[in-house]
Amino acid sequence: MKKVLLAMAVAMTVPMTAMAWEPTGDINVIVAYKAGSGTDTGARLLATEAAKYIPKTIIIQNLPGADGKIGWTKLVNSKPDGQTIGFINLPTFTTLAAQPGAPFSSHDIVPIANHLTETGVVAVKADSPYKTIEELVAAAKKGNLKASTNGVKASNHTAAQLFSKSAGFNYKAVPYGGTADQLLALRQGEVDFTCAKVADVAKLVKGDKPELRVLAVFNTKRDAELPNVPTLGEKGFYPEWYGSARALVAPKGTSPEIIAYYVDAFKKTMQDPAVVEAHKKAGMALDFKDNKELGSLIDAQDKFARDVVNNLYK
């Protein structure tokens, strides 16, 4: 009798293992910015490498517009069946979510994994008359300087606000449809300066004919990629780290089994030595955090948006 019961118990464990969730078809990954943007580039790199661990086709679905609202609204309203996930940018997502009448909130998503964490920079054209951050601030205090941003109240707009408030000057913010267009505007001389991320400008500040010059970074210590560039704090301006995170999330209601599948797959992907090297070559700061760690980060960024960011735009 004991042998029969043992056999039944073993048999019952087989279907439970077999029933572990896996995607049944193509996986749509929503990116709320246009093709060629920093978020899109990172998403495509990760999706390509994740093919080793996710045996289904991963399709990047670009849904740009309204500073991210279009793509993220689509994401939070998608069926929570694991076939649609997406990237959010922090603090842009939480900043938009904290606005009155926002079409989504931070509670409408389920964290999967953090992908990148990037430090902010202040940059000008390579041939700009402003050679130092002090020269830029002095000119800005005289008025009429313009800065390109990646959208109204988006992460790079917030960076410009933190910088300008700490340095005591006003400027005109000119929003564009994403980081790629924002940087193009600076390169074409449409604006005087911009705030972006280290990875966004990495290829534009190097080589025999660099197009941009970084004047300062938003950090408490100098960035390893730009060791000769001072921090804003060194010069008496914004003294804290500021940047952004790019993370994978799912719609509210997605089951723990689905989340566990993706956490495991993306952890394996991001810890693969070849993937680490590919991100390093691309100038991207790979920074894996699991769903619990990412959840804490989202909560912190939500609080930052409500307590700090909203006051920057008054």
C-alpha atoms as a PDB file:
ATOM      1  CA  MET A   1       0.000   0.000   0.000  1.00  0.00           C
ATOM      2  CA  LYS A   2       2.852   2.367   0.848  1.00  0.00           C
ATOM      3  CA  LYS A   3       4.441   1.683  -2.536  1.00  0.00           C
ATOM      4  CA  VAL A   4       1.174   2.526  -4.271  1.00  0.00           C
ATOM      5  CA  LEU A   5       0.815   5.796  -2.365  1.00  0.00           C
ATOM      6  CA  LEU A   6       4.426   6.708  -3.090  1.00  0.00           C
ATOM      7  CA  ALA A   7       3.924   6.010  -6.780  1.00  0.00           C
ATOM      8  CA  MET A   8       0.803   8.179  -6.781  1.00  0.00           C
ATOM      9  CA  ALA A   9       2.673  11.001  -5.035  1.00  0.00           C
ATOM     10  CA  VAL A  10       5.500  10.867  -7.557  1.00  0.00           C
ATOM     11  CA  ALA A  11       3.043  10.807 -10.434  1.00  0.00           C
ATOM     12  CA  MET A  12       1.251  13.855  -9.052  1.00  0.00           C
ATOM     13  CA  THR A  13       4.475  15.878  -9.043  1.00  0.00           C
ATOM     14  CA  VAL A  14       5.039  15.376 -12.755  1.00  0.00           C
ATOM     15  CA  PRO A  15       2.132  17.450 -14.082  1.00  0.00           C
ATOM     16  CA  MET A  16       2.848  20.168 -11.526  1.00  0.00           C
ATOM     17  CA  THR A  17       6.380  20.537 -12.947  1.00  0.00           C
ATOM     18  CA  ALA A  18       5.094  20.294 -16.487  1.00  0.00           C
ATOM     19  CA  MET A  19       2.575  23.040 -15.754  1.00  0.00           C
ATOM     20  CA  ALA A  20       5.279  25.618 -14.908  1.00  0.00           C
ATOM     21  CA  TRP A  21       4.445  28.689 -16.983  1.00  0.00           C
ATOM     22  CA  GLU A  22       6.168  29.354 -20.282  1.00  0.00           C
ATOM     23  CA  PRO A  23       5.227  31.773 -23.073  1.00  0.00           C
ATOM     24  CA  THR A  24       3.048  30.184 -25.744  1.00  0.00           C
ATOM     25  CA  GLY A  25       3.810  32.550 -28.593  1.00  0.00           C
ATOM     26  CA  ASP A  26       5.648  35.714 -29.585  1.00  0.00           C
ATOM     27  CA  ILE A  27       6.402  38.048 -26.692  1.00  0.00           C
ATOM     28  CA  ASN A  28       5.588  41.711 -27.249  1.00  0.00           C
ATOM     29  CA  VAL A  29       7.858  44.120 -25.392  1.00  0.00           C
ATOM     30  CA  ILE A  30       6.431  47.636 -25.380  1.00  0.00           C
ATOM     31  CA  VAL A  31       8.897  50.520 -25.597  1.00  0.00           C
ATOM     32  CA  ALA A  32       7.291  53.921 -25.123  1.00  0.00           C
ATOM     33  CA  TYR A  33       9.878  55.708 -27.269  1.00  0.00           C
ATOM     34  CA  LYS A  34      10.744  55.738 -30.951  1.00  0.00           C
ATOM     35  CA  ALA A  35      13.109  53.362 -32.703  1.00  0.00           C
ATOM     36  CA  GLY A  36      16.689  54.558 -32.281  1.00  0.00           C
ATOM     37  CA  SER A  37      16.104  56.128 -28.875  1.00  0.00           C
ATOM     38  CA  GLY A  38      18.318  55.162 -25.964  1.00  0.00           C
ATOM     39  CA  THR A  39      15.598  53.016 -24.425  1.00  0.00           C
ATOM     40  CA  ASP A  40      14.911  51.306 -27.742  1.00  0.00           C
ATOM     41  CA  THR A  41      18.594  50.563 -28.344  1.00  0.00           C
ATOM     42  CA  GLY A  42      18.979  48.997 -24.913  1.00  0.00           C
ATOM     43  CA  ALA A  43      15.753  47.032 -25.254  1.00  0.00           C
ATOM     44  CA  ARG A  44      16.805  45.558 -28.590  1.00  0.00           C
ATOM     45  CA  LEU A  45      20.224  44.590 -27.276  1.00  0.00           C
ATOM     46  CA  LEU A  46      18.687  42.824 -24.284  1.00  0.00           C
ATOM     47  CA  ALA A  47      15.997  41.138 -26.393  1.00  0.00           C
ATOM     48  CA  THR A  48      18.600  39.776 -28.789  1.00  0.00           C
ATOM     49  CA  GLU A  49      20.682  38.315 -25.981  1.00  0.00           C
ATOM     50  CA  ALA A  50      17.642  36.958 -24.087  1.00  0.00           C
ATOM     51  CA  ALA A  51      16.874  34.650 -27.010  1.00  0.00           C
ATOM     52  CA  LYS A  52      19.365  32.226 -25.441  1.00  0.00           C
ATOM     53  CA  TYR A  53      17.082  31.809 -22.444  1.00  0.00           C
ATOM     54  CA  ILE A  54      13.582  32.542 -23.767  1.00  0.00           C
ATOM     55  CA  PRO A  55      12.594  30.098 -26.533  1.00  0.00           C
ATOM     56  CA  LYS A  56      10.135  32.436 -28.225  1.00  0.00           C
ATOM     57  CA  THR A  57      10.445  35.397 -30.567  1.00  0.00           C
ATOM     58  CA  ILE A  58      10.713  38.701 -28.698  1.00  0.00           C
ATOM     59  CA  ILE A  59       9.186  41.595 -30.623  1.00  0.00           C
ATOM     60  CA  ILE A  60       9.998  45.185 -29.677  1.00  0.00           C
ATOM     61  CA  GLN A  61       6.846  47.260 -30.144  1.00  0.00           C
ATOM     62  CA  ASN A  62       7.600  50.990 -30.314  1.00  0.00           C
ATOM     63  CA  LEU A  63       4.657  53.126 -29.195  1.00  0.00           C
ATOM     64  CA  PRO A  64       6.100  56.646 -28.849  1.00  0.00           C
ATOM     65  CA  GLY A  65       4.244  59.833 -28.080  1.00  0.00           C
ATOM     66  CA  ALA A  66       2.981  62.066 -25.265  1.00  0.00           C
ATOM     67  CA  ASP A  67       6.264  61.747 -23.363  1.00  0.00           C
ATOM     68  CA  GLY A  68       5.717  58.010 -22.840  1.00  0.00           C
ATOM     69  CA  LYS A  69       2.032  58.077 -21.926  1.00  0.00           C
ATOM     70  CA  ILE A  70       0.874  56.328 -25.117  1.00  0.00           C
ATOM     71  CA  GLY A  71       3.117  53.301 -24.742  1.00  0.00           C
ATOM     72  CA  TRP A  72       2.717  52.961 -20.994  1.00  0.00           C
ATOM     73  CA  THR A  73      -1.064  53.326 -21.149  1.00  0.00           C
ATOM     74  CA  LYS A  74      -1.088  50.489 -23.667  1.00  0.00           C
ATOM     75  CA  LEU A  75       1.179  48.447 -21.408  1.00  0.00           C
ATOM     76  CA  VAL A  76      -0.900  48.774 -18.229  1.00  0.00           C
ATOM     77  CA  ASN A  77      -4.064  47.927 -20.155  1.00  0.00           C
ATOM     78  CA  SER A  78      -2.600  44.833 -21.823  1.00  0.00           C
ATOM     79  CA  LYS A  79      -3.828  41.362 -20.918  1.00  0.00           C
ATOM     80  CA  PRO A  80      -1.771  40.095 -17.955  1.00  0.00           C
ATOM     81  CA  ASP A  81      -1.018  36.755 -19.582  1.00  0.00           C
ATOM     82  CA  GLY A  82       2.750  37.093 -19.887  1.00  0.00           C
ATOM     83  CA  GLN A  83       2.691  37.621 -23.634  1.00  0.00           C
ATOM     84  CA  THR A  84       3.046  41.411 -23.260  1.00  0.00           C
ATOM     85  CA  ILE A  85       5.616  43.067 -21.021  1.00  0.00           C
ATOM     86  CA  GLY A  86       7.424  46.373 -21.385  1.00  0.00           C
ATOM     87  CA  PHE A  87      10.141  48.797 -20.413  1.00  0.00           C
ATOM     88  CA  ILE A  88       9.590  51.753 -18.141  1.00  0.00           C
ATOM     89  CA  ASN A  89      11.999  54.613 -17.536  1.00  0.00           C
ATOM     90  CA  LEU A  90      12.442  55.890 -14.012  1.00  0.00           C
ATOM     91  CA  PRO A  91      11.782  58.533 -12.844  1.00  0.00           C
ATOM     92  CA  THR A  92       9.805  59.472 -15.989  1.00  0.00           C
ATOM     93  CA  PHE A  93       7.151  56.801 -15.433  1.00  0.00           C
ATOM     94  CA  THR A  94       6.629  57.652 -11.774  1.00  0.00           C
ATOM     95  CA  THR A  95       6.705  61.388 -12.490  1.00  0.00           C
ATOM     96  CA  LEU A  96       3.928  61.040 -15.056  1.00  0.00           C
ATOM     97  CA  ALA A  97       2.021  58.666 -12.777  1.00  0.00           C
ATOM     98  CA  ALA A  98       2.105  61.248  -9.981  1.00  0.00           C
ATOM     99  CA  GLN A  99       0.383  63.927 -12.074  1.00  0.00           C
ATOM    100  CA  PRO A 100      -3.318  64.683 -11.487  1.00  0.00           C
ATOM    101  CA  GLY A 101      -5.462  62.819 -14.012  1.00  0.00           C
ATOM    102  CA  ALA A 102      -2.628  60.506 -15.102  1.00  0.00           C
ATOM    103  CA  PRO A 103      -3.844  57.522 -17.190  1.00  0.00           C
ATOM    104  CA  PHE A 104      -1.879  55.094 -15.018  1.00  0.00           C
ATOM    105  CA  SER A 105      -0.275  54.794 -11.599  1.00  0.00           C
ATOM    106  CA  SER A 106       2.708  52.988 -10.159  1.00  0.00           C
ATOM    107  CA  HIS A 107       0.266  50.366  -8.868  1.00  0.00           C
ATOM    108  CA  ASP A 108      -0.752  49.400 -12.418  1.00  0.00           C
ATOM    109  CA  ILE A 109       2.483  47.522 -13.066  1.00  0.00           C
ATOM    110  CA  VAL A 110       4.250  44.482 -11.631  1.00  0.00           C
ATOM    111  CA  PRO A 111       8.075  44.666 -11.466  1.00  0.00           C
ATOM    112  CA  ILE A 112      10.171  42.063 -13.268  1.00  0.00           C
ATOM    113  CA  ALA A 113      13.801  43.208 -13.392  1.00  0.00           C
ATOM    114  CA  ASN A 114      15.931  46.309 -13.670  1.00  0.00           C
ATOM    115  CA  HIS A 115      18.072  46.505 -16.805  1.00  0.00           C
ATOM    116  CA  LEU A 116      20.153  49.698 -16.756  1.00  0.00           C
ATOM    117  CA  THR A 117      21.003  52.432 -14.290  1.00  0.00           C
ATOM    118  CA  GLU A 118      22.479  55.555 -15.853  1.00  0.00           C
ATOM    119  CA  THR A 119      24.048  58.726 -14.489  1.00  0.00           C
ATOM    120  CA  GLY A 120      22.926  62.118 -15.746  1.00  0.00           C
ATOM    121  CA  VAL A 121      25.178  64.617 -17.526  1.00  0.00           C
ATOM    122  CA  VAL A 122      25.141  68.244 -18.634  1.00  0.00           C
ATOM    123  CA  ALA A 123      26.367  68.558 -22.228  1.00  0.00           C
ATOM    124  CA  VAL A 124      26.973  71.198 -24.908  1.00  0.00           C
ATOM    125  CA  LYS A 125      28.111  71.076 -28.532  1.00  0.00           C
ATOM    126  CA  ALA A 126      31.786  70.322 -29.018  1.00  0.00           C
ATOM    127  CA  ASP A 127      32.298  73.793 -30.514  1.00  0.00           C
ATOM    128  CA  SER A 128      30.242  75.564 -27.843  1.00  0.00           C
ATOM    129  CA  PRO A 129      31.775  78.717 -26.360  1.00  0.00           C
ATOM    130  CA  TYR A 130      31.108  77.221 -22.914  1.00  0.00           C
ATOM    131  CA  LYS A 131      34.147  75.160 -21.975  1.00  0.00           C
ATOM    132  CA  THR A 132      33.264  74.618 -18.305  1.00  0.00           C
ATOM    133  CA  ILE A 133      30.111  74.239 -16.246  1.00  0.00           C
ATOM    134  CA  GLU A 134      30.876  77.575 -14.577  1.00  0.00           C
ATOM    135  CA  GLU A 135      30.923  79.343 -17.953  1.00  0.00           C
ATOM    136  CA  LEU A 136      27.579  77.795 -18.872  1.00  0.00           C
ATOM    137  CA  VAL A 137      26.014  78.879 -15.584  1.00  0.00           C
ATOM    138  CA  ALA A 138      27.388  82.417 -15.937  1.00  0.00           C
ATOM    139  CA  ALA A 139      25.868  82.691 -19.413  1.00  0.00           C
ATOM    140  CA  ALA A 140      22.579  81.175 -18.249  1.00  0.00           C
ATOM    141  CA  LYS A 141      22.269  83.752 -15.484  1.00  0.00           C
ATOM    142  CA  LYS A 142      22.318  86.452 -18.149  1.00  0.00           C
ATOM    143  CA  GLY A 143      19.234  84.810 -19.652  1.00  0.00           C
ATOM    144  CA  ASN A 144      17.905  83.433 -22.950  1.00  0.00           C
ATOM    145  CA  LEU A 145      19.602  80.026 -22.970  1.00  0.00           C
ATOM    146  CA  LYS A 146      17.627  77.055 -24.296  1.00  0.00           C
ATOM    147  CA  ALA A 147      17.896  73.384 -23.361  1.00  0.00           C
ATOM    148  CA  SER A 148      16.478  70.404 -25.225  1.00  0.00           C
ATOM    149  CA  THR A 149      14.662  67.727 -23.201  1.00  0.00           C
ATOM    150  CA  ASN A 150      13.266  64.286 -23.954  1.00  0.00           C
ATOM    151  CA  GLY A 151       9.749  65.387 -23.083  1.00  0.00           C
ATOM    152  CA  VAL A 152       7.770  67.528 -20.660  1.00  0.00           C
ATOM    153  CA  LYS A 153       8.647  66.419 -17.114  1.00  0.00           C
ATOM    154  CA  ALA A 154      10.598  63.475 -18.539  1.00  0.00           C
ATOM    155  CA  SER A 155      13.830  62.356 -16.864  1.00  0.00           C
ATOM    156  CA  ASN A 156      16.148  64.723 -18.731  1.00  0.00           C
ATOM    157  CA  HIS A 157      13.793  67.657 -18.200  1.00  0.00           C
ATOM    158  CA  THR A 158      13.874  66.897 -14.477  1.00  0.00           C
ATOM    159  CA  ALA A 159      17.687  66.822 -14.624  1.00  0.00           C
ATOM    160  CA  ALA A 160      17.743  70.272 -16.225  1.00  0.00           C
ATOM    161  CA  GLN A 161      15.404  71.543 -13.511  1.00  0.00           C
ATOM    162  CA  LEU A 162      17.590  70.138 -10.736  1.00  0.00           C
ATOM    163  CA  PHE A 163      20.653  71.731 -12.335  1.00  0.00           C
ATOM    164  CA  SER A 164      19.089  75.131 -12.974  1.00  0.00           C
ATOM    165  CA  LYS A 165      17.465  75.380  -9.537  1.00  0.00           C
ATOM    166  CA  SER A 166      20.728  74.487  -7.795  1.00  0.00           C
ATOM    167  CA  ALA A 167      22.707  76.965  -9.905  1.00  0.00           C
ATOM    168  CA  GLY A 168      20.159  79.773  -9.660  1.00  0.00           C
ATOM    169  CA  PHE A 169      19.211  80.454 -13.278  1.00  0.00           C
ATOM    170  CA  ASN A 170      16.198  80.222 -15.565  1.00  0.00           C
ATOM    171  CA  TYR A 171      16.177  78.747 -19.055  1.00  0.00           C
ATOM    172  CA  LYS A 172      13.759  77.778 -21.801  1.00  0.00           C
ATOM    173  CA  ALA A 173      13.042  74.045 -21.989  1.00  0.00           C
ATOM    174  CA  VAL A 174      12.372  72.767 -25.510  1.00  0.00           C
ATOM    175  CA  PRO A 175      10.775  69.276 -25.434  1.00  0.00           C
ATOM    176  CA  TYR A 176      11.426  66.709 -28.143  1.00  0.00           C
ATOM    177  CA  GLY A 177      10.001  63.240 -28.753  1.00  0.00           C
ATOM    178  CA  GLY A 178      12.796  61.350 -27.030  1.00  0.00           C
ATOM    179  CA  THR A 179      16.494  61.385 -26.243  1.00  0.00           C
ATOM    180  CA  ALA A 180      17.624  60.786 -29.831  1.00  0.00           C
ATOM    181  CA  ASP A 181      15.783  63.885 -31.078  1.00  0.00           C
ATOM    182  CA  GLN A 182      16.825  65.851 -28.020  1.00  0.00           C
ATOM    183  CA  LEU A 183      20.502  65.205 -28.728  1.00  0.00           C
ATOM    184  CA  LEU A 184      20.065  65.858 -32.443  1.00  0.00           C
ATOM    185  CA  ALA A 185      18.692  69.294 -31.579  1.00  0.00           C
ATOM    186  CA  LEU A 186      21.835  70.060 -29.583  1.00  0.00           C
ATOM    187  CA  ARG A 187      24.126  68.752 -32.323  1.00  0.00           C
ATOM    188  CA  GLN A 188      22.340  70.947 -34.861  1.00  0.00           C
ATOM    189  CA  GLY A 189      22.684  74.032 -32.670  1.00  0.00           C
ATOM    190  CA  GLU A 190      18.970  74.491 -31.991  1.00  0.00           C
ATOM    191  CA  VAL A 191      19.638  74.757 -28.244  1.00  0.00           C
ATOM    192  CA  ASP A 192      22.518  75.787 -25.994  1.00  0.00           C
ATOM    193  CA  PHE A 193      22.792  72.776 -23.693  1.00  0.00           C
ATOM    194  CA  THR A 194      21.064  69.597 -22.655  1.00  0.00           C
ATOM    195  CA  CYS A 195      20.910  67.089 -19.837  1.00  0.00           C
ATOM    196  CA  ALA A 196      21.045  63.404 -20.788  1.00  0.00           C
ATOM    197  CA  LYS A 197      22.719  60.194 -19.580  1.00  0.00           C
ATOM    198  CA  VAL A 198      26.281  58.927 -19.883  1.00  0.00           C
ATOM    199  CA  ALA A 199      25.293  56.112 -22.257  1.00  0.00           C
ATOM    200  CA  ASP A 200      23.308  58.504 -24.457  1.00  0.00           C
ATOM    201  CA  VAL A 201      26.327  60.691 -25.173  1.00  0.00           C
ATOM    202  CA  ALA A 202      29.135  58.113 -24.922  1.00  0.00           C
ATOM    203  CA  LYS A 203      29.718  57.793 -28.667  1.00  0.00           C
ATOM    204  CA  LEU A 204      29.177  61.510 -29.285  1.00  0.00           C
ATOM    205  CA  VAL A 205      31.942  62.740 -26.993  1.00  0.00           C
ATOM    206  CA  LYS A 206      34.726  60.446 -28.208  1.00  0.00           C
ATOM    207  CA  GLY A 207      36.792  60.019 -31.333  1.00  0.00           C
ATOM    208  CA  ASP A 208      38.756  62.408 -33.529  1.00  0.00           C
ATOM    209  CA  LYS A 209      35.724  64.621 -34.165  1.00  0.00           C
ATOM    210  CA  PRO A 210      33.455  64.556 -31.111  1.00  0.00           C
ATOM    211  CA  GLU A 211      30.095  66.248 -31.565  1.00  0.00           C
ATOM    212  CA  LEU A 212      29.380  66.982 -27.904  1.00  0.00           C
ATOM    213  CA  ARG A 213      31.239  67.951 -24.750  1.00  0.00           C
ATOM    214  CA  VAL A 214      30.165  66.902 -21.251  1.00  0.00           C
ATOM    215  CA  LEU A 215      30.649  69.651 -18.679  1.00  0.00           C
ATOM    216  CA  ALA A 216      29.508  67.856 -15.513  1.00  0.00           C
ATOM    217  CA  VAL A 217      27.872  64.697 -14.188  1.00  0.00           C
ATOM    218  CA  PHE A 218      25.066  64.253 -11.654  1.00  0.00           C
ATOM    219  CA  ASN A 219      26.899  62.132  -9.114  1.00  0.00           C
ATOM    220  CA  THR A 220      28.700  62.178  -5.793  1.00  0.00           C
ATOM    221  CA  LYS A 221      31.864  60.935  -7.496  1.00  0.00           C
ATOM    222  CA  ARG A 222      33.304  61.177 -11.001  1.00  0.00           C
ATOM    223  CA  ASP A 223      32.047  58.697 -13.556  1.00  0.00           C
ATOM    224  CA  ALA A 224      34.439  55.950 -14.637  1.00  0.00           C
ATOM    225  CA  GLU A 225      33.538  56.576 -18.284  1.00  0.00           C
ATOM    226  CA  LEU A 226      34.310  60.307 -17.954  1.00  0.00           C
ATOM    227  CA  PRO A 227      37.073  60.580 -15.332  1.00  0.00           C
ATOM    228  CA  ASN A 228      38.121  64.094 -16.358  1.00  0.00           C
ATOM    229  CA  VAL A 229      34.616  65.521 -16.037  1.00  0.00           C
ATOM    230  CA  PRO A 230      33.724  67.086 -12.657  1.00  0.00           C
ATOM    231  CA  THR A 231      30.572  66.376 -10.702  1.00  0.00           C
ATOM    232  CA  LEU A 232      28.062  69.180 -10.295  1.00  0.00           C
ATOM    233  CA  GLY A 233      28.661  68.968  -6.557  1.00  0.00           C
ATOM    234  CA  GLU A 234      32.368  69.697  -7.011  1.00  0.00           C
ATOM    235  CA  LYS A 235      31.391  73.038  -8.518  1.00  0.00           C
ATOM    236  CA  GLY A 236      28.849  73.905  -5.840  1.00  0.00           C
ATOM    237  CA  PHE A 237      25.711  72.851  -7.702  1.00  0.00           C
ATOM    238  CA  TYR A 238      23.368  69.840  -7.362  1.00  0.00           C
ATOM    239  CA  PRO A 239      25.258  67.540  -4.951  1.00  0.00           C
ATOM    240  CA  GLU A 240      23.398  64.223  -5.306  1.00  0.00           C
ATOM    241  CA  TRP A 241      23.278  61.396  -7.819  1.00  0.00           C
ATOM    242  CA  TYR A 242      20.590  61.742 -10.440  1.00  0.00           C
ATOM    243  CA  GLY A 243      19.960  59.614 -13.458  1.00  0.00           C
ATOM    244  CA  SER A 244      17.516  57.031 -14.633  1.00  0.00           C
ATOM    245  CA  ALA A 245      16.754  53.350 -14.574  1.00  0.00           C
ATOM    246  CA  ARG A 246      15.321  51.304 -17.410  1.00  0.00           C
ATOM    247  CA  ALA A 247      13.353  48.338 -16.198  1.00  0.00           C
ATOM    248  CA  LEU A 248      11.089  45.527 -17.333  1.00  0.00           C
ATOM    249  CA  VAL A 249       7.574  45.331 -15.921  1.00  0.00           C
ATOM    250  CA  ALA A 250       4.293  43.542 -16.606  1.00  0.00           C
ATOM    251  CA  PRO A 251       0.661  44.682 -16.398  1.00  0.00           C
ATOM    252  CA  LYS A 252      -1.089  44.544 -13.030  1.00  0.00           C
ATOM    253  CA  GLY A 253      -2.613  41.121 -12.457  1.00  0.00           C
ATOM    254  CA  THR A 254       0.243  39.156 -13.987  1.00  0.00           C
ATOM    255  CA  SER A 255       0.670  35.980 -11.942  1.00  0.00           C
ATOM    256  CA  PRO A 256       3.681  35.273  -9.704  1.00  0.00           C
ATOM    257  CA  GLU A 257       4.498  32.235 -11.874  1.00  0.00           C
ATOM    258  CA  ILE A 258       4.849  34.405 -14.964  1.00  0.00           C
ATOM    259  CA  ILE A 259       6.940  36.977 -13.111  1.00  0.00           C
ATOM    260  CA  ALA A 260       9.195  34.225 -11.738  1.00  0.00           C
ATOM    261  CA  TYR A 261       9.765  32.894 -15.259  1.00  0.00           C
ATOM    262  CA  TYR A 262      10.880  36.292 -16.550  1.00  0.00           C
ATOM    263  CA  VAL A 263      12.985  37.132 -13.495  1.00  0.00           C
ATOM    264  CA  ASP A 264      14.900  33.883 -13.949  1.00  0.00           C
ATOM    265  CA  ALA A 265      15.302  34.329 -17.710  1.00  0.00           C
ATOM    266  CA  PHE A 266      16.487  37.930 -17.524  1.00  0.00           C
ATOM    267  CA  LYS A 267      18.772  37.238 -14.568  1.00  0.00           C
ATOM    268  CA  LYS A 268      20.500  34.524 -16.596  1.00  0.00           C
ATOM    269  CA  THR A 269      20.661  36.868 -19.576  1.00  0.00           C
ATOM    270  CA  MET A 270      22.133  39.814 -17.691  1.00  0.00           C
ATOM    271  CA  GLN A 271      24.670  37.688 -15.843  1.00  0.00           C
ATOM    272  CA  ASP A 272      25.914  36.034 -19.040  1.00  0.00           C
ATOM    273  CA  PRO A 273      29.550  37.190 -19.543  1.00  0.00           C
ATOM    274  CA  ALA A 274      28.945  37.769 -23.255  1.00  0.00           C
ATOM    275  CA  VAL A 275      25.956  39.985 -22.455  1.00  0.00           C
ATOM    276  CA  VAL A 276      27.936  41.937 -19.868  1.00  0.00           C
ATOM    277  CA  GLU A 277      30.652  42.552 -22.458  1.00  0.00           C
ATOM    278  CA  ALA A 278      28.136  43.565 -25.143  1.00  0.00           C
ATOM    279  CA  HIS A 279      26.619  46.164 -22.824  1.00  0.00           C
ATOM    280  CA  LYS A 280      30.060  47.435 -21.846  1.00  0.00           C
ATOM    281  CA  LYS A 281      30.973  47.946 -25.499  1.00  0.00           C
ATOM    282  CA  ALA A 282      27.699  49.796 -26.033  1.00  0.00           C
ATOM    283  CA  GLY A 283      28.453  52.103 -23.089  1.00  0.00           C
ATOM    284  CA  MET A 284      25.445  50.826 -21.143  1.00  0.00           C
ATOM    285  CA  ALA A 285      25.526  50.455 -17.364  1.00  0.00           C
ATOM    286  CA  LEU A 286      24.019  46.994 -16.892  1.00  0.00           C
ATOM    287  CA  ASP A 287      22.473  46.782 -13.416  1.00  0.00           C
ATOM    288  CA  PHE A 288      20.321  43.711 -12.753  1.00  0.00           C
ATOM    289  CA  LYS A 289      17.833  43.945  -9.906  1.00  0.00           C
ATOM    290  CA  ASP A 290      15.212  41.281  -9.310  1.00  0.00           C
ATOM    291  CA  ASN A 291      11.499  41.997  -8.954  1.00  0.00           C
ATOM    292  CA  LYS A 292      11.671  42.697  -5.222  1.00  0.00           C
ATOM    293  CA  GLU A 293      14.611  45.086  -5.539  1.00  0.00           C
ATOM    294  CA  LEU A 294      12.986  46.787  -8.513  1.00  0.00           C
ATOM    295  CA  GLY A 295       9.751  47.116  -6.547  1.00  0.00           C
ATOM    296  CA  SER A 296      11.614  49.006  -3.827  1.00  0.00           C
ATOM    297  CA  LEU A 297      13.217  51.248  -6.458  1.00  0.00           C
ATOM    298  CA  ILE A 298       9.837  52.036  -8.032  1.00  0.00           C
ATOM    299  CA  ASP A 299       8.409  52.898  -4.607  1.00  0.00           C
ATOM    300  CA  ALA A 300      11.365  55.201  -3.902  1.00  0.00           C
ATOM    301  CA  GLN A 301      11.041  56.894  -7.291  1.00  0.00           C
ATOM    302  CA  ASP A 302       7.305  57.329  -6.754  1.00  0.00           C
ATOM    303  CA  LYS A 303       8.037  59.124  -3.486  1.00  0.00           C
ATOM    304  CA  PHE A 304      10.761  61.203  -5.192  1.00  0.00           C
ATOM    305  CA  ALA A 305       8.263  62.243  -7.867  1.00  0.00           C
ATOM    306  CA  ARG A 306       5.644  63.314  -5.344  1.00  0.00           C
ATOM    307  CA  ASP A 307       7.966  64.964  -2.810  1.00  0.00           C
ATOM    308  CA  VAL A 308      10.661  66.495  -5.032  1.00  0.00           C
ATOM    309  CA  VAL A 309       9.942  66.470  -8.750  1.00  0.00           C
ATOM    310  CA  ASN A 310       6.528  68.098  -8.636  1.00  0.00           C
ATOM    311  CA  ASN A 311       7.985  71.040  -6.712  1.00  0.00           C
ATOM    312  CA  LEU A 312      10.614  71.597  -9.416  1.00  0.00           C
ATOM    313  CA  TYR A 313       8.003  72.701 -11.916  1.00  0.00           C
ATOM    314  CA  LYS A 314       6.189  75.242  -9.762  1.00  0.00           C
END
